[in-house]
Amino acid sequence: MLTISPEASQAIRAILNASEAPDGSMFRISPQAQNGASPGGLVVSVTDSPAPDDQIIEGDEVEISVEPTAAMMLDDKKLDATVEGEQVNFSIEDQTG
């Protein structure tokens, strides 16, 4: 199952708090289709509520929803983030340990 690093949790909380999203909103990870074909990458968005079949992943005081196809792609991965000034860069890494 996808895990969320403390740094990613902190970045997600900061983004949600700074956005105009309503209370209870969360990040959602879904596949990005390439020309209507198979997924080519992942898209992160803010959603008011998860889709009914989304997997909910809990981090450090944060929850994200993950679309089922993306959940399979990320099963053994970790969502991490680095923050430089106001720039947040999310990355997907192999789980270690």
Protein backbone atom coordinates (compact mmCIF):
# COMPACT_ATOMS: atom_id res chain seq x y z
CA MET A 1 0.00 0.00 0.00
CA LEU A 2 1.17 3.54 -0.75
CA THR A 3 2.65 5.31 2.25
CA ILE A 4 2.93 9.05 2.83
CA SER A 5 6.14 10.54 4.23
CA PRO A 6 5.88 13.11 7.05
CA GLU A 7 7.24 15.73 4.62
CA ALA A 8 4.51 14.94 2.07
CA SER A 9 1.85 15.04 4.79
CA GLN A 10 3.07 18.45 5.93
CA ALA A 11 3.12 19.78 2.35
CA ILE A 12 -0.39 18.47 1.65
CA ARG A 13 -1.76 20.05 4.84
CA ALA A 14 -0.14 23.37 3.96
CA ILE A 15 -1.55 23.34 0.42
CA LEU A 16 -5.04 22.42 1.58
CA ASN A 17 -4.95 25.09 4.30
CA ALA A 18 -3.80 27.74 1.82
CA SER A 19 -6.34 26.81 -0.86
CA GLU A 20 -9.94 27.89 -1.14
CA ALA A 21 -11.04 24.26 -0.97
CA PRO A 22 -13.87 23.56 1.47
CA ASP A 23 -13.21 21.83 4.79
CA GLY A 24 -12.86 18.09 4.34
CA SER A 25 -11.19 18.40 0.94
CA MET A 26 -8.32 16.06 0.17
CA PHE A 27 -5.65 15.31 -2.39
CA ARG A 28 -6.55 12.74 -5.03
CA ILE A 29 -4.07 10.78 -7.15
CA SER A 30 -5.30 9.42 -10.46
CA PRO A 31 -3.74 8.18 -13.70
CA GLN A 32 -3.26 10.58 -16.58
CA ALA A 33 -4.43 9.05 -19.86
CA GLN A 34 -2.18 9.39 -22.88
CA ASN A 35 -4.23 9.93 -26.06
CA GLY A 36 -7.06 7.80 -24.64
CA ALA A 37 -4.68 4.86 -24.22
CA SER A 38 -3.12 3.41 -21.10
CA PRO A 39 -2.08 5.69 -18.24
CA GLY A 40 1.09 7.62 -18.87
CA GLY A 41 1.62 9.34 -15.55
CA LEU A 42 -0.14 10.46 -12.43
CA VAL A 43 -2.18 13.56 -11.68
CA VAL A 44 -2.58 15.11 -8.24
CA SER A 45 -5.67 17.22 -7.66
CA VAL A 46 -7.77 18.55 -4.79
CA THR A 47 -11.23 17.05 -4.47
CA ASP A 48 -14.18 17.82 -2.20
CA SER A 49 -14.73 14.11 -1.64
CA PRO A 50 -13.22 10.85 -2.87
CA ALA A 51 -14.83 8.79 -5.62
CA PRO A 52 -16.76 5.79 -4.26
CA ASP A 53 -14.12 3.25 -5.35
CA ASP A 54 -11.06 5.28 -4.32
CA GLN A 55 -8.63 3.90 -1.77
CA ILE A 56 -8.14 6.21 1.23
CA ILE A 57 -4.54 6.43 2.45
CA GLU A 58 -3.79 7.97 5.82
CA GLY A 59 -0.62 9.88 6.56
CA ASP A 60 0.47 12.12 9.40
CA GLU A 61 -2.81 13.99 10.10
CA VAL A 62 -3.79 13.86 6.42
CA GLU A 63 -5.78 11.58 4.13
CA ILE A 64 -5.50 11.26 0.36
CA SER A 65 -7.72 9.38 -2.06
CA VAL A 66 -6.17 7.20 -4.72
CA GLU A 67 -8.03 6.04 -7.83
CA PRO A 68 -7.98 2.20 -8.10
CA THR A 69 -5.68 2.00 -11.15
CA ALA A 70 -3.25 4.44 -9.54
CA ALA A 71 -3.45 2.46 -6.28
CA MET A 72 -2.23 -0.64 -8.13
CA MET A 73 0.63 1.35 -9.68
CA LEU A 74 1.63 2.76 -6.28
CA ASP A 75 1.13 -0.35 -4.15
CA ASP A 76 4.76 -0.57 -2.98
CA LYS A 77 5.65 3.13 -3.20
CA LYS A 78 5.99 6.14 -0.91
CA LEU A 79 4.75 9.67 -1.62
CA ASP A 80 7.43 12.14 -0.59
CA ALA A 81 7.83 15.90 -0.95
CA THR A 82 10.52 18.55 -0.89
CA VAL A 83 9.74 22.20 -0.25
CA GLU A 84 11.90 25.05 -1.51
CA GLY A 85 10.40 28.40 -0.67
CA GLU A 86 6.85 28.28 -2.00
CA GLN A 87 7.62 25.47 -4.47
CA VAL A 88 6.53 21.93 -3.53
CA ASN A 89 7.84 18.96 -5.49
CA PHE A 90 6.16 15.62 -4.89
CA SER A 91 7.95 12.41 -5.77
CA ILE A 92 7.14 8.73 -5.78
CA GLU A 93 9.84 6.53 -4.31
CA ASP A 94 10.30 2.86 -3.51
CA GLN A 95 9.43 1.98 0.06
CA THR A 96 12.44 1.11 2.14
CA GLY A 97 12.79 -0.55 5.48
